[in-house]
PDB file of N, CA and C in Angstrom:
ATOM      1  N   MET A   1     140.474  61.372  52.092  1.00  0.00           N
ATOM      2  CA  MET A   1     139.534  61.874  52.995  1.00  0.00           C
ATOM      3  C   MET A   1     138.100  61.373  52.474  1.00  0.00           C
ATOM      4  N   THR A   2     137.240  61.357  53.334  1.00  0.00           N
ATOM      5  CA  THR A   2     135.831  61.172  53.055  1.00  0.00           C
ATOM      6  C   THR A   2     135.217  62.350  52.837  1.00  0.00           C
ATOM      7  N   ASN A   3     134.028  62.545  51.917  1.00  0.00           N
ATOM      8  CA  ASN A   3     133.455  63.643  51.562  1.00  0.00           C
ATOM      9  C   ASN A   3     132.835  64.363  52.798  1.00  0.00           C
ATOM     10  N   ASP A   4     132.420  63.789  53.910  1.00  0.00           N
ATOM     11  CA  ASP A   4     132.142  64.708  54.922  1.00  0.00           C
ATOM     12  C   ASP A   4     133.369  65.220  55.705  1.00  0.00           C
ATOM     13  N   ILE A   5     134.481  64.636  55.563  1.00  0.00           N
ATOM     14  CA  ILE A   5     135.711  65.274  56.428  1.00  0.00           C
ATOM     15  C   ILE A   5     135.933  66.334  55.356  1.00  0.00           C
ATOM     16  N   GLU A   6     136.149  66.162  54.091  1.00  0.00           N
ATOM     17  CA  GLU A   6     136.469  67.265  53.290  1.00  0.00           C
ATOM     18  C   GLU A   6     135.649  68.652  53.451  1.00  0.00           C
ATOM     19  N   GLN A   7     134.143  68.393  53.467  1.00  0.00           N
ATOM     20  CA  GLN A   7     133.450  69.308  53.714  1.00  0.00           C
ATOM     21  C   GLN A   7     133.413  70.096  55.211  1.00  0.00           C
ATOM     22  N   LEU A   8     133.815  69.339  56.343  1.00  0.00           N
ATOM     23  CA  LEU A   8     134.111  69.815  57.501  1.00  0.00           C
ATOM     24  C   LEU A   8     135.473  70.597  57.604  1.00  0.00           C
ATOM     25  N   VAL A   9     136.680  70.149  56.998  1.00  0.00           N
ATOM     26  CA  VAL A   9     137.712  70.888  56.595  1.00  0.00           C
ATOM     27  C   VAL A   9     137.535  72.351  55.909  1.00  0.00           C
ATOM     28  N   ALA A  10     136.855  72.186  54.902  1.00  0.00           N
ATOM     29  CA  ALA A  10     136.417  73.401  53.915  1.00  0.00           C
ATOM     30  C   ALA A  10     135.616  74.409  54.986  1.00  0.00           C
ATOM     31  N   SER A  11     135.016  73.762  55.951  1.00  0.00           N
ATOM     32  CA  SER A  11     133.977  74.967  56.707  1.00  0.00           C
ATOM     33  C   SER A  11     135.047  75.549  58.075  1.00  0.00           C
ATOM     34  N   ILE A  12     136.194  75.034  58.128  1.00  0.00           N
ATOM     35  CA  ILE A  12     136.910  75.484  59.550  1.00  0.00           C
ATOM     36  C   ILE A  12     137.153  76.913  59.172  1.00  0.00           C
ATOM     37  N   SER A  13     136.972  77.627  60.053  1.00  0.00           N
ATOM     38  CA  SER A  13     137.678  79.094  60.023  1.00  0.00           C
ATOM     39  C   SER A  13     138.900  79.186  61.224  1.00  0.00           C
ATOM     40  N   LEU A  14     139.511  80.471  60.690  1.00  0.00           N
ATOM     41  CA  LEU A  14     140.962  80.442  61.617  1.00  0.00           C
ATOM     42  C   LEU A  14     140.248  80.866  63.045  1.00  0.00           C
ATOM     43  N   ASN A  15     139.288  81.445  63.371  1.00  0.00           N
ATOM     44  CA  ASN A  15     138.635  81.521  64.437  1.00  0.00           C
ATOM     45  C   ASN A  15     138.463  80.098  65.262  1.00  0.00           C
ATOM     46  N   LYS A  16     137.676  79.166  64.464  1.00  0.00           N
ATOM     47  CA  LYS A  16     137.554  77.892  65.016  1.00  0.00           C
ATOM     48  C   LYS A  16     138.895  77.306  65.348  1.00  0.00           C
ATOM     49  N   VAL A  17     139.807  77.433  64.559  1.00  0.00           N
ATOM     50  CA  VAL A  17     141.258  76.841  64.795  1.00  0.00           C
ATOM     51  C   VAL A  17     141.859  77.217  65.989  1.00  0.00           C
ATOM     52  N   LEU A  18     141.839  78.718  66.292  1.00  0.00           N
ATOM     53  CA  LEU A  18     142.512  79.461  67.432  1.00  0.00           C
ATOM     54  C   LEU A  18     141.780  78.877  68.633  1.00  0.00           C
ATOM     55  N   ILE A  19     140.260  78.893  68.549  1.00  0.00           N
ATOM     56  CA  ILE A  19     139.512  78.561  69.905  1.00  0.00           C
ATOM     57  C   ILE A  19     139.854  77.191  70.012  1.00  0.00           C
ATOM     58  N   ALA A  20     139.954  76.160  69.119  1.00  0.00           N
ATOM     59  CA  ALA A  20     140.277  74.697  69.467  1.00  0.00           C
ATOM     60  C   ALA A  20     141.815  74.606  70.072  1.00  0.00           C
ATOM     61  N   ILE A  21     142.608  75.267  69.695  1.00  0.00           N
ATOM     62  CA  ILE A  21     143.872  75.281  70.141  1.00  0.00           C
ATOM     63  C   ILE A  21     143.938  75.673  71.500  1.00  0.00           C
ATOM     64  N   LEU A  22     143.359  76.799  71.801  1.00  0.00           N
ATOM     65  CA  LEU A  22     143.391  77.542  73.204  1.00  0.00           C
ATOM     66  C   LEU A  22     142.541  76.403  74.060  1.00  0.00           C
ATOM     67  N   GLU A  23     141.497  75.706  73.669  1.00  0.00           N
ATOM     68  CA  GLU A  23     140.694  75.132  74.392  1.00  0.00           C
ATOM     69  C   GLU A  23     141.877  73.959  74.867  1.00  0.00           C
ATOM     70  N   GLU A  24     142.423  73.245  74.046  1.00  0.00           N
ATOM     71  CA  GLU A  24     143.446  72.335  74.207  1.00  0.00           C
ATOM     72  C   GLU A  24     144.537  72.640  75.027  1.00  0.00           C
ATOM     73  N   HIS A  25     145.196  73.721  74.886  1.00  0.00           N
ATOM     74  CA  HIS A  25     146.366  74.152  75.530  1.00  0.00           C
ATOM     75  C   HIS A  25     146.112  75.217  76.556  1.00  0.00           C
ATOM     76  N   LYS A  26     144.982  75.778  76.648  1.00  0.00           N
ATOM     77  CA  LYS A  26     144.588  76.842  77.723  1.00  0.00           C
ATOM     78  C   LYS A  26     145.122  78.059  77.325  1.00  0.00           C
ATOM     79  N   GLN A  27     146.518  78.293  77.244  1.00  0.00           N
ATOM     80  CA  GLN A  27     147.084  79.182  76.772  1.00  0.00           C
ATOM     81  C   GLN A  27     148.358  79.318  75.798  1.00  0.00           C
ATOM     82  N   LEU A  28     148.378  80.188  75.061  1.00  0.00           N
ATOM     83  CA  LEU A  28     149.557  80.477  74.006  1.00  0.00           C
ATOM     84  C   LEU A  28     150.327  81.630  74.066  1.00  0.00           C
ATOM     85  N   SER A  29     151.530  81.645  74.157  1.00  0.00           N
ATOM     86  CA  SER A  29     152.257  82.774  74.240  1.00  0.00           C
ATOM     87  C   SER A  29     153.073  83.113  73.143  1.00  0.00           C
ATOM     88  N   VAL A  30     152.867  84.286  72.322  1.00  0.00           N
ATOM     89  CA  VAL A  30     153.805  84.492  71.196  1.00  0.00           C
ATOM     90  C   VAL A  30     154.554  85.882  71.521  1.00  0.00           C
ATOM     91  N   PRO A  31     155.730  85.903  71.311  1.00  0.00           N
ATOM     92  CA  PRO A  31     156.503  86.997  71.288  1.00  0.00           C
ATOM     93  C   PRO A  31     155.942  88.191  70.268  1.00  0.00           C
ATOM     94  N   THR A  32     156.066  89.349  70.910  1.00  0.00           N
ATOM     95  CA  THR A  32     155.299  90.500  70.037  1.00  0.00           C
ATOM     96  C   THR A  32     156.220  90.483  68.759  1.00  0.00           C
ATOM     97  N   LEU A  33     157.374  90.478  68.512  1.00  0.00           N
ATOM     98  CA  LEU A  33     158.080  90.512  67.205  1.00  0.00           C
ATOM     99  C   LEU A  33     157.710  89.457  66.455  1.00  0.00           C
ATOM    100  N   ARG A  34     157.444  88.213  67.041  1.00  0.00           N
ATOM    101  CA  ARG A  34     156.956  87.092  65.986  1.00  0.00           C
ATOM    102  C   ARG A  34     155.668  87.406  65.399  1.00  0.00           C
ATOM    103  N   PHE A  35     154.851  88.039  66.323  1.00  0.00           N
ATOM    104  CA  PHE A  35     153.429  88.401  65.906  1.00  0.00           C
ATOM    105  C   PHE A  35     153.454  89.415  64.690  1.00  0.00           C
ATOM    106  N   LEU A  36     154.149  90.549  65.100  1.00  0.00           N
ATOM    107  CA  LEU A  36     154.299  91.688  64.260  1.00  0.00           C
ATOM    108  C   LEU A  36     154.994  91.552  63.003  1.00  0.00           C
ATOM    109  N   GLU A  37     156.056  90.626  62.878  1.00  0.00           N
ATOM    110  CA  GLU A  37     156.823  90.203  61.785  1.00  0.00           C
ATOM    111  C   GLU A  37     156.286  89.070  60.957  1.00  0.00           C
ATOM    112  N   SER A  38     155.277  88.510  61.350  1.00  0.00           N
ATOM    113  CA  SER A  38     154.743  87.344  60.459  1.00  0.00           C
ATOM    114  C   SER A  38     154.040  87.830  59.225  1.00  0.00           C
ATOM    115  N   LYS A  39     154.356  87.187  58.365  1.00  0.00           N
ATOM    116  CA  LYS A  39     153.626  87.559  57.045  1.00  0.00           C
ATOM    117  C   LYS A  39     152.923  86.297  56.523  1.00  0.00           C
ATOM    118  N   ASP A  40     151.527  86.487  56.399  1.00  0.00           N
ATOM    119  CA  ASP A  40     150.671  85.507  55.979  1.00  0.00           C
ATOM    120  C   ASP A  40     150.819  85.305  54.291  1.00  0.00           C
ATOM    121  N   THR A  41     151.586  86.191  53.721  1.00  0.00           N
ATOM    122  CA  THR A  41     151.508  86.071  52.257  1.00  0.00           C
ATOM    123  C   THR A  41     152.572  84.942  51.791  1.00  0.00           C
ATOM    124  N   ASP A  42     153.445  84.594  52.703  1.00  0.00           N
ATOM    125  CA  ASP A  42     154.490  83.398  52.203  1.00  0.00           C
ATOM    126  C   ASP A  42     154.190  82.165  52.761  1.00  0.00           C
ATOM    127  N   LYS A  43     153.027  81.919  53.631  1.00  0.00           N
ATOM    128  CA  LYS A  43     152.788  80.797  54.369  1.00  0.00           C
ATOM    129  C   LYS A  43     151.261  80.534  54.158  1.00  0.00           C
ATOM    130  N   GLU A  44     151.063  79.231  54.162  1.00  0.00           N
ATOM    131  CA  GLU A  44     149.535  78.861  54.466  1.00  0.00           C
ATOM    132  C   GLU A  44     149.229  77.828  55.359  1.00  0.00           C
ATOM    133  N   LEU A  45     147.924  77.750  55.843  1.00  0.00           N
ATOM    134  CA  LEU A  45     147.517  76.882  56.919  1.00  0.00           C
ATOM    135  C   LEU A  45     147.334  75.439  56.184  1.00  0.00           C
ATOM    136  N   VAL A  46     147.781  74.330  56.972  1.00  0.00           N
ATOM    137  CA  VAL A  46     147.473  73.000  56.224  1.00  0.00           C
ATOM    138  C   VAL A  46     146.893  72.357  57.376  1.00  0.00           C
ATOM    139  N   ILE A  47     145.581  71.738  56.875  1.00  0.00           N
ATOM    140  CA  ILE A  47     144.941  70.966  57.964  1.00  0.00           C
ATOM    141  C   ILE A  47     144.882  69.455  57.466  1.00  0.00           C
ATOM    142  N   ASP A  48     145.393  68.643  58.352  1.00  0.00           N
ATOM    143  CA  ASP A  48     145.215  67.188  57.968  1.00  0.00           C
ATOM    144  C   ASP A  48     144.491  66.662  58.976  1.00  0.00           C
ATOM    145  N   TYR A  49     143.629  65.622  58.334  1.00  0.00           N
ATOM    146  CA  TYR A  49     142.681  64.847  59.339  1.00  0.00           C
ATOM    147  C   TYR A  49     143.416  63.286  59.492  1.00  0.00           C
ATOM    148  N   ASP A  50     143.487  62.874  60.831  1.00  0.00           N
ATOM    149  CA  ASP A  50     143.891  61.609  61.105  1.00  0.00           C
ATOM    150  C   ASP A  50     142.587  60.636  61.716  1.00  0.00           C
ATOM    151  N   GLU A  51     142.089  59.797  60.962  1.00  0.00           N
ATOM    152  CA  GLU A  51     140.920  59.176  61.149  1.00  0.00           C
ATOM    153  C   GLU A  51     141.183  58.298  62.500  1.00  0.00           C
ATOM    154  N   SER A  52     142.376  57.716  62.648  1.00  0.00           N
ATOM    155  CA  SER A  52     142.714  56.808  63.805  1.00  0.00           C
ATOM    156  C   SER A  52     142.484  57.703  65.048  1.00  0.00           C
ATOM    157  N   GLY A  53     142.492  58.892  65.149  1.00  0.00           N
ATOM    158  CA  GLY A  53     142.402  59.581  66.445  1.00  0.00           C
ATOM    159  C   GLY A  53     141.051  59.543  66.977  1.00  0.00           C
ATOM    160  N   PRO A  54     140.112  60.014  66.280  1.00  0.00           N
ATOM    161  CA  PRO A  54     140.056  61.342  65.154  1.00  0.00           C
ATOM    162  C   PRO A  54     140.544  62.411  65.708  1.00  0.00           C
ATOM    163  N   SER A  55     141.452  63.150  64.880  1.00  0.00           N
ATOM    164  CA  SER A  55     141.961  64.564  65.184  1.00  0.00           C
ATOM    165  C   SER A  55     142.541  65.203  64.066  1.00  0.00           C
ATOM    166  N   PHE A  56     142.674  66.469  64.379  1.00  0.00           N
ATOM    167  CA  PHE A  56     143.119  67.319  63.051  1.00  0.00           C
ATOM    168  C   PHE A  56     144.406  67.840  63.546  1.00  0.00           C
ATOM    169  N   THR A  57     145.458  67.911  62.731  1.00  0.00           N
ATOM    170  CA  THR A  57     146.710  68.404  62.790  1.00  0.00           C
ATOM    171  C   THR A  57     146.870  69.881  61.938  1.00  0.00           C
ATOM    172  N   PHE A  58     147.216  70.741  62.554  1.00  0.00           N
ATOM    173  CA  PHE A  58     147.597  72.194  62.042  1.00  0.00           C
ATOM    174  C   PHE A  58     148.736  72.492  62.074  1.00  0.00           C
ATOM    175  N   SER A  59     149.295  72.921  60.605  1.00  0.00           N
ATOM    176  CA  SER A  59     150.589  73.141  60.635  1.00  0.00           C
ATOM    177  C   SER A  59     150.791  74.221  59.407  1.00  0.00           C
ATOM    178  N   LEU A  60     152.025  74.796  59.243  1.00  0.00           N
ATOM    179  CA  LEU A  60     152.249  75.728  58.346  1.00  0.00           C
ATOM    180  C   LEU A  60     153.027  75.457  57.087  1.00  0.00           C
ATOM    181  N   LYS A  61     152.814  75.781  56.079  1.00  0.00           N
ATOM    182  CA  LYS A  61     153.724  75.428  54.922  1.00  0.00           C
ATOM    183  C   LYS A  61     154.022  76.731  54.188  1.00  0.00           C
ATOM    184  N   GLU A  62     155.068  76.615  53.637  1.00  0.00           N
ATOM    185  CA  GLU A  62     155.688  77.713  52.641  1.00  0.00           C
ATOM    186  C   GLU A  62     154.994  77.749  51.336  1.00  0.00           C
ATOM    187  N   ARG A  63     154.307  78.649  50.937  1.00  0.00           N
ATOM    188  CA  ARG A  63     153.692  78.911  49.780  1.00  0.00           C
ATOM    189  C   ARG A  63     154.496  78.888  48.659  1.00  0.00           C
ATOM    190  N   GLU A  64     154.222  78.338  47.517  1.00  0.00           N
ATOM    191  CA  GLU A  64     154.871  78.072  46.352  1.00  0.00           C
ATOM    192  C   GLU A  64     155.033  79.501  45.477  1.00  0.00           C
ATOM    193  N   GLN A  65     155.964  80.001  45.244  1.00  0.00           N
ATOM    194  CA  GLN A  65     156.046  81.224  44.522  1.00  0.00           C
ATOM    195  C   GLN A  65     155.912  81.229  43.025  1.00  0.00           C
ATOM    196  N   GLU A  66     154.794  81.912  42.525  1.00  0.00           N
ATOM    197  CA  GLU A  66     154.241  81.738  41.256  1.00  0.00           C
ATOM    198  C   GLU A  66     155.207  82.663  40.385  1.00  0.00           C
ATOM    199  N   ASN A  67     155.727  82.179  39.198  1.00  0.00           N
ATOM    200  CA  ASN A  67     156.467  82.904  38.203  1.00  0.00           C
ATOM    201  C   ASN A  67     155.478  83.346  37.091  1.00  0.00           C
ATOM    202  N   ASP A  68     155.857  84.904  36.806  1.00  0.00           N
ATOM    203  CA  ASP A  68     155.205  85.434  35.980  1.00  0.00           C
ATOM    204  C   ASP A  68     155.815  85.547  34.617  1.00  0.00           C
ATOM    205  N   ASN A  69     156.586  84.435  34.402  1.00  0.00           N
ATOM    206  CA  ASN A  69     157.019  84.343  33.041  1.00  0.00           C
ATOM    207  C   ASN A  69     156.447  83.774  31.895  1.00  0.00           C
TER     208      ASN A  69
END
């Protein structure tokens, strides 16, 4: 990624992500249990940039567990 894109990615807030997704898809329905049972401690948001689009891809990834040994 170029420096400009890296700075842009670093400045993206979750609020901006949610607004962009809702502007693209108009509406997103999440079952109540999915929302209540989701844990942000074991997942992290991944933001990839596609220069050919140009576009961003948002996904979730499992966090690596830290060992205290």
